[in-house]
Amino acid sequence: MQRKPTMNDVAHRAGVALKTVSRYVNGDPTIGADYADRIREAIAELGYRRNMAAARIRPGQSAKMIGLIISDLSNPYFATLARAIELGAAAAGYMLTIASSEEDGARHDLLVDRLLEQQVDAIIDVPPRAPGRAWRDIPPPLPPLVFVDRPSDWAAADTVLADNAGGARSATRALLHAGAGTVAFVGDSVEIFTMGERLTGYRQALVEADRPVDDDLVRDTVHTVDDAMRVVLDLLAGGRAQAVFAANNRAALGALRAFRLAETFLPMIGFDEFEAAALINPPISVVSQDIQAMGRAAADLAVARLNGSDIPCTTTVLPTSLILRGSERLLPAF
């Protein structure tokens, strides 16, 4: 593994005293412009990062810390994923520090920099919808990386995904098989990898059934439950959708609110299990992905790299399962 550059290395490259570099990285404004420029250039060339944990770590030891960047901790899906990763990391003696990118590339870049400054031993990352800086543009050395839920541009990392396209295809096929003539897609932006894959699976099912793909029935602006409610109310008013594929848990919950307000119910299957799905009347059919298995796999891969594994990087695609509870069929109004 490549040695991480030190403050001494920066001082040598810049041709200044170690104390001057220390003053620079701690924000001393009295350093001359010439010295500051030389130190800044040396830091960029070497890829030096301030070790904010150094005072707490004895020489030769690590922070025993793994960083996790997810999309939105308030989303039950990502909360479940984070918990599974935390348990896997703890079993190997590592703590987990968690942050949310909110799907913003600039915020994601800031979080990456902060984790690198903290000298975390590994990073597990859910890449954001709006990409920021490419991983290849970050000066080495980098700690072991694992991408989870979505892939990244960085090939030198392990990746754990779910079969999003296959799950969406099976859900749409089930709705068509149950008698729906048209199926609406309700989900978040298809710029998000998982949503794009689910839209692909939805379209595949329609094509295989010789049904037209009606772009007016594809609604990909749903980020919140309220967004989904408004979209489904609009679909109900239009009268063209005979069933709904809700492409994430928030879309499913918003659709249920819309059905309640409109006092009607369209056949529906959601993607991702949620706690109340089996308790609602009618119970909601879902595409279930094993979030715990995904989190455990990501943690295990990170720990394996930390333990010296040098096998080629892998992409693991976990299967989904279709759980039919009855909501895929035409049912009486509320």
Protein backbone atom coordinates (compact mmCIF):
# COMPACT_ATOMS: atom_id res chain seq x y z
CA MET A 1 0.00 0.00 0.00
CA GLN A 2 1.37 3.42 -0.93
CA ARG A 3 2.68 5.44 2.05
CA LYS A 4 0.60 8.46 2.94
CA PRO A 5 2.53 11.75 2.60
CA THR A 6 3.36 13.51 5.84
CA MET A 7 3.82 17.11 6.88
CA ASN A 8 7.57 16.50 6.75
CA ASP A 9 7.22 15.50 3.09
CA VAL A 10 5.36 18.73 2.36
CA ALA A 11 8.03 20.79 4.10
CA HIS A 12 10.78 19.05 2.12
CA ARG A 13 8.97 19.51 -1.22
CA ALA A 14 8.17 23.17 -0.51
CA GLY A 15 11.63 23.93 0.86
CA VAL A 16 10.31 25.40 4.09
CA ALA A 17 10.47 24.53 7.78
CA LEU A 18 8.11 21.93 9.24
CA LYS A 19 6.77 24.59 11.62
CA THR A 20 5.81 26.77 8.66
CA VAL A 21 3.79 23.94 7.11
CA SER A 22 2.10 23.35 10.46
CA ARG A 23 1.14 27.01 10.69
CA TYR A 24 -0.22 26.91 7.11
CA VAL A 25 -2.45 23.87 7.57
CA ASN A 26 -3.79 25.35 10.79
CA GLY A 27 -4.83 28.52 8.98
CA ASP A 28 -2.19 31.01 10.16
CA PRO A 29 -2.86 34.16 8.05
CA THR A 30 0.59 35.69 8.71
CA ILE A 31 2.51 33.30 6.41
CA GLY A 32 4.07 35.12 3.45
CA ALA A 33 2.42 34.70 0.05
CA ASP A 34 5.50 33.03 -1.47
CA TYR A 35 5.72 30.43 1.29
CA ALA A 36 1.95 29.84 1.18
CA ASP A 37 2.03 29.26 -2.60
CA ARG A 38 4.91 26.79 -2.31
CA ILE A 39 3.20 24.87 0.47
CA ARG A 40 -0.13 24.81 -1.40
CA GLU A 41 1.58 23.44 -4.51
CA ALA A 42 3.46 20.81 -2.50
CA ILE A 43 0.23 19.65 -0.83
CA ALA A 44 -1.49 19.32 -4.21
CA GLU A 45 1.43 17.45 -5.77
CA LEU A 46 1.82 15.02 -2.88
CA GLY A 47 -1.87 14.56 -2.10
CA TYR A 48 -1.19 15.40 1.56
CA ARG A 49 -4.19 15.38 3.89
CA ARG A 50 -4.25 16.64 7.42
CA ASN A 51 -4.68 13.77 9.89
CA MET A 52 -7.29 15.13 12.27
CA ALA A 53 -7.26 11.88 14.25
CA ALA A 54 -3.50 11.82 14.75
CA ALA A 55 -3.63 13.07 18.31
CA ARG A 56 -5.81 10.11 19.25
CA ILE A 57 -3.83 7.40 17.48
CA ARG A 58 -0.53 5.90 18.55
CA PRO A 59 2.05 5.30 15.80
CA GLY A 60 1.35 2.19 13.76
CA GLN A 61 -2.33 2.02 14.67
CA SER A 62 -5.40 2.91 12.63
CA ALA A 63 -8.49 4.86 13.58
CA LYS A 64 -10.58 1.65 13.29
CA MET A 65 -13.15 3.83 11.56
CA ILE A 66 -15.14 3.29 8.35
CA GLY A 67 -16.92 6.20 6.70
CA LEU A 68 -20.35 5.76 5.09
CA ILE A 69 -21.93 8.30 2.74
CA ILE A 70 -25.58 7.64 1.93
CA SER A 71 -28.24 9.60 0.09
CA ASP A 72 -30.76 10.44 2.79
CA LEU A 73 -30.70 9.08 6.33
CA SER A 74 -34.37 10.01 6.82
CA ASN A 75 -35.35 7.46 4.17
CA PRO A 76 -36.12 4.14 5.92
CA TYR A 77 -34.33 2.27 3.14
CA PHE A 78 -31.02 4.03 3.77
CA ALA A 79 -31.47 3.88 7.54
CA THR A 80 -31.82 0.10 7.28
CA LEU A 81 -28.81 -0.10 4.98
CA ALA A 82 -26.69 2.00 7.34
CA ARG A 83 -27.67 -0.15 10.31
CA ALA A 84 -26.67 -3.34 8.49
CA ILE A 85 -23.30 -1.83 7.54
CA GLU A 86 -22.78 -0.62 11.10
CA LEU A 87 -23.38 -4.10 12.50
CA GLY A 88 -20.98 -5.64 9.98
CA ALA A 89 -18.30 -3.09 10.75
CA ALA A 90 -18.74 -3.45 14.52
CA ALA A 91 -18.35 -7.22 14.28
CA ALA A 92 -14.87 -6.61 12.83
CA GLY A 93 -13.97 -4.01 15.46
CA TYR A 94 -14.64 -0.87 13.40
CA MET A 95 -16.82 2.12 14.19
CA LEU A 96 -18.96 3.68 11.48
CA THR A 97 -19.36 7.38 10.82
CA ILE A 98 -22.36 8.25 8.64
CA ALA A 99 -23.27 11.31 6.56
CA SER A 100 -25.94 12.12 3.96
CA SER A 101 -25.11 13.68 0.59
CA GLU A 102 -28.75 14.68 -0.10
CA GLU A 103 -28.04 13.65 -3.73
CA ASP A 104 -25.85 16.77 -4.11
CA GLY A 105 -22.47 16.35 -5.81
CA ALA A 106 -20.82 19.32 -4.10
CA ARG A 107 -21.93 18.16 -0.67
CA HIS A 108 -20.75 14.65 -1.51
CA ASP A 109 -17.30 16.00 -2.42
CA LEU A 110 -17.12 17.88 0.88
CA LEU A 111 -18.05 14.76 2.83
CA VAL A 112 -15.41 12.71 1.01
CA ASP A 113 -12.77 15.32 1.84
CA ARG A 114 -13.80 15.36 5.48
CA LEU A 115 -13.60 11.59 5.74
CA LEU A 116 -10.19 11.57 4.10
CA GLU A 117 -9.02 14.27 6.51
CA GLN A 118 -10.25 12.11 9.36
CA GLN A 119 -8.04 9.32 7.98
CA VAL A 120 -10.86 6.77 7.96
CA ASP A 121 -9.67 3.26 7.18
CA ALA A 122 -12.23 2.68 4.40
CA ILE A 123 -15.16 4.43 2.73
CA ILE A 124 -18.49 2.87 1.76
CA ASP A 125 -20.34 5.15 -0.63
CA VAL A 126 -23.77 5.55 -2.23
CA PRO A 127 -22.89 7.81 -5.20
CA PRO A 128 -25.22 10.82 -5.49
CA ARG A 129 -27.61 11.51 -8.35
CA ALA A 130 -25.78 14.72 -9.24
CA PRO A 131 -22.14 13.66 -9.63
CA GLY A 132 -19.44 15.98 -8.43
CA ARG A 133 -15.72 15.33 -8.66
CA ALA A 134 -14.66 12.00 -10.19
CA TRP A 135 -12.89 9.65 -7.82
CA ARG A 136 -9.99 9.41 -10.27
CA ASP A 137 -9.37 13.14 -9.76
CA ILE A 138 -8.71 12.72 -6.04
CA PRO A 139 -4.95 12.55 -5.33
CA PRO A 140 -3.81 9.15 -4.05
CA PRO A 141 -3.48 7.34 -1.79
CA LEU A 142 -7.14 6.44 -1.25
CA PRO A 143 -8.41 4.03 1.39
CA PRO A 144 -10.34 0.93 0.31
CA LEU A 145 -13.62 1.92 -1.36
CA VAL A 146 -16.88 0.01 -1.64
CA PHE A 147 -19.86 1.34 -3.59
CA VAL A 148 -23.28 0.16 -2.48
CA ASP A 149 -26.76 0.47 -4.03
CA ARG A 150 -25.29 2.30 -7.06
CA PRO A 151 -22.11 1.94 -9.13
CA SER A 152 -19.45 4.61 -9.65
CA ASP A 153 -16.91 5.72 -12.22
CA TRP A 154 -14.07 4.27 -10.12
CA ALA A 155 -13.13 0.77 -11.28
CA ALA A 156 -10.70 0.06 -8.45
CA ALA A 157 -13.46 -0.64 -5.94
CA ASP A 158 -15.94 -3.35 -5.02
CA THR A 159 -19.63 -2.71 -5.72
CA VAL A 160 -22.81 -4.21 -4.26
CA LEU A 161 -26.11 -3.73 -6.12
CA ALA A 162 -29.62 -5.14 -6.23
CA ASP A 163 -31.30 -6.47 -9.37
CA ASN A 164 -33.40 -3.34 -9.81
CA ALA A 165 -34.34 -3.97 -13.44
CA GLY A 166 -35.35 -7.58 -12.78
CA GLY A 167 -37.47 -6.62 -9.80
CA ALA A 168 -39.30 -3.87 -11.68
CA ARG A 169 -39.87 -6.19 -14.63
CA SER A 170 -41.43 -8.86 -12.42
CA ALA A 171 -43.68 -6.31 -10.69
CA THR A 172 -44.94 -4.81 -13.96
CA ARG A 173 -45.52 -8.27 -15.42
CA ALA A 174 -47.58 -9.24 -12.36
CA LEU A 175 -49.79 -6.16 -12.73
CA LEU A 176 -50.34 -6.91 -16.42
CA HIS A 177 -51.00 -10.59 -15.68
CA ALA A 178 -53.61 -9.57 -13.11
CA GLY A 179 -55.53 -7.73 -15.82
CA ALA A 180 -54.25 -4.16 -15.93
CA GLY A 181 -54.33 -2.72 -19.43
CA THR A 182 -52.03 0.18 -18.58
CA VAL A 183 -49.47 0.56 -15.79
CA ALA A 184 -48.08 3.87 -14.57
CA PHE A 185 -44.49 4.23 -13.36
CA VAL A 186 -44.22 6.49 -10.30
CA GLY A 187 -40.72 7.14 -8.98
CA ASP A 188 -37.85 9.50 -8.29
CA SER A 189 -35.55 10.96 -10.96
CA VAL A 190 -34.27 8.38 -13.42
CA GLU A 191 -30.88 10.11 -13.18
CA ILE A 192 -30.55 8.03 -10.02
CA PHE A 193 -29.07 4.68 -11.06
CA THR A 194 -31.64 2.57 -9.22
CA MET A 195 -34.55 4.50 -10.72
CA GLY A 196 -33.10 4.28 -14.22
CA GLU A 197 -32.75 0.51 -13.83
CA ARG A 198 -36.30 0.17 -12.52
CA LEU A 199 -37.67 2.18 -15.44
CA THR A 200 -35.74 -0.12 -17.79
CA GLY A 201 -37.33 -3.18 -16.18
CA TYR A 202 -40.79 -1.59 -16.34
CA ARG A 203 -40.38 -0.89 -20.04
CA GLN A 204 -39.03 -4.38 -20.71
CA ALA A 205 -42.18 -5.91 -19.21
CA LEU A 206 -44.43 -3.74 -21.38
CA VAL A 207 -42.51 -4.57 -24.55
CA GLU A 208 -42.55 -8.31 -23.74
CA ALA A 209 -46.33 -8.11 -23.29
CA ASP A 210 -46.76 -6.21 -26.58
CA ARG A 211 -48.02 -3.17 -24.71
CA PRO A 212 -47.10 0.37 -25.76
CA VAL A 213 -44.76 2.41 -23.57
CA ASP A 214 -46.78 5.55 -22.82
CA ASP A 215 -44.40 8.29 -21.68
CA ASP A 216 -47.35 10.18 -20.16
CA LEU A 217 -47.67 7.37 -17.63
CA VAL A 218 -44.01 7.64 -16.60
CA ARG A 219 -43.74 10.07 -13.68
CA ASP A 220 -40.18 10.47 -12.42
CA THR A 221 -40.44 13.61 -10.27
CA VAL A 222 -41.31 11.91 -6.99
CA HIS A 223 -38.81 12.64 -4.22
CA THR A 224 -41.20 12.84 -1.27
CA VAL A 225 -44.42 11.16 -0.16
CA ASP A 226 -46.33 14.37 -0.93
CA ASP A 227 -44.83 14.46 -4.43
CA ALA A 228 -46.11 10.94 -5.02
CA MET A 229 -49.56 11.77 -3.69
CA ARG A 230 -49.90 14.70 -6.09
CA VAL A 231 -48.66 12.66 -9.06
CA VAL A 232 -51.05 9.78 -8.37
CA LEU A 233 -53.99 12.13 -7.87
CA ASP A 234 -53.18 13.56 -11.30
CA LEU A 235 -53.04 10.07 -12.79
CA LEU A 236 -56.40 9.22 -11.22
CA ALA A 237 -57.92 12.39 -12.65
CA GLY A 238 -56.59 11.55 -16.10
CA GLY A 239 -58.21 8.12 -16.01
CA ARG A 240 -55.61 6.41 -18.23
CA ALA A 241 -53.67 4.49 -15.61
CA GLN A 242 -55.24 1.18 -14.62
CA ALA A 243 -52.45 0.17 -12.23
CA VAL A 244 -49.42 1.71 -10.52
CA PHE A 245 -45.87 0.50 -10.18
CA ALA A 246 -44.52 2.55 -7.28
CA ALA A 247 -40.76 2.50 -7.80
CA ASN A 248 -39.75 3.14 -4.18
CA ASN A 249 -41.27 3.15 -0.70
CA ARG A 250 -42.10 6.86 -0.72
CA ALA A 251 -43.92 6.50 -4.03
CA ALA A 252 -45.98 3.65 -2.57
CA LEU A 253 -46.92 5.63 0.55
CA GLY A 254 -47.86 8.67 -1.53
CA ALA A 255 -50.00 6.53 -3.81
CA LEU A 256 -51.86 5.13 -0.80
CA ARG A 257 -52.57 8.67 0.41
CA ALA A 258 -53.90 9.58 -3.03
CA PHE A 259 -56.13 6.51 -3.12
CA ARG A 260 -57.53 7.43 0.28
CA LEU A 261 -58.26 11.01 -0.76
CA ALA A 262 -59.85 9.92 -4.04
CA GLU A 263 -61.76 7.09 -2.35
CA THR A 264 -60.61 4.64 -4.98
CA PHE A 265 -57.86 2.07 -5.36
CA LEU A 266 -55.80 1.07 -8.37
CA PRO A 267 -53.88 -2.21 -8.41
CA MET A 268 -50.38 -1.44 -7.17
CA ILE A 269 -47.02 -3.03 -6.47
CA GLY A 270 -44.27 -1.12 -4.71
CA PHE A 271 -40.51 -1.48 -4.82
CA ASP A 272 -39.02 -1.98 -1.34
CA GLU A 273 -40.72 -3.41 1.69
CA PHE A 274 -42.05 -1.00 4.31
CA GLU A 275 -43.27 -1.73 7.82
CA ALA A 276 -46.99 -1.20 7.28
CA ALA A 277 -47.19 -2.93 3.87
CA ALA A 278 -48.65 -6.17 5.22
CA LEU A 279 -50.99 -4.39 7.67
CA ILE A 280 -52.79 -2.09 5.23
CA ASN A 281 -56.14 -3.12 3.74
CA PRO A 282 -55.49 -4.40 1.16
CA PRO A 283 -51.95 -5.61 2.04
CA ILE A 284 -49.47 -4.12 -0.39
CA SER A 285 -47.52 -6.31 -2.79
CA VAL A 286 -43.86 -5.36 -3.04
CA VAL A 287 -40.57 -6.11 -4.71
CA SER A 288 -38.34 -6.87 -1.77
CA GLN A 289 -34.59 -6.51 -1.80
CA ASP A 290 -32.48 -7.87 1.03
CA ILE A 291 -31.15 -4.58 2.39
CA GLN A 292 -29.50 -6.29 5.34
CA ALA A 293 -27.60 -8.64 3.01
CA MET A 294 -26.51 -5.68 0.90
CA GLY A 295 -25.18 -3.84 3.95
CA ARG A 296 -23.41 -6.91 5.31
CA ALA A 297 -21.80 -7.58 1.95
CA ALA A 298 -20.54 -3.99 1.69
CA ALA A 299 -19.09 -4.09 5.21
CA ASP A 300 -17.50 -7.50 4.63
CA LEU A 301 -15.83 -6.32 1.42
CA ALA A 302 -14.42 -3.22 3.12
CA VAL A 303 -13.07 -5.25 6.03
CA ALA A 304 -11.58 -7.85 3.68
CA ARG A 305 -9.64 -5.12 1.86
CA LEU A 306 -8.46 -3.74 5.19
CA ASN A 307 -7.25 -7.22 6.10
CA GLY A 308 -5.11 -7.32 2.96
CA SER A 309 -7.35 -8.97 0.35
CA ASP A 310 -5.96 -8.25 -3.11
CA ILE A 311 -8.39 -10.27 -5.24
CA PRO A 312 -9.78 -8.44 -8.30
CA CYS A 313 -12.57 -5.98 -7.51
CA THR A 314 -16.04 -7.45 -7.88
CA THR A 315 -19.57 -6.29 -8.63
CA THR A 316 -22.14 -8.28 -6.68
CA VAL A 317 -25.78 -8.12 -7.84
CA LEU A 318 -28.20 -9.43 -5.22
CA PRO A 319 -31.55 -10.88 -6.35
CA THR A 320 -34.91 -9.36 -5.47
CA SER A 321 -38.12 -11.22 -4.66
CA LEU A 322 -41.72 -10.41 -5.58
CA ILE A 323 -44.12 -10.70 -2.64
CA LEU A 324 -47.73 -10.75 -3.84
CA ARG A 325 -50.29 -9.93 -1.14
CA GLY A 326 -53.31 -9.02 -3.26
CA SER A 327 -52.89 -5.32 -4.06
CA GLU A 328 -51.85 -6.22 -7.62
CA ARG A 329 -55.48 -7.16 -8.36
CA LEU A 330 -58.48 -4.92 -8.99
CA LEU A 331 -60.19 -4.34 -5.65
CA PRO A 332 -63.30 -2.50 -4.47
CA ALA A 333 -63.01 1.17 -3.59
CA PHE A 334 -62.29 2.19 0.02
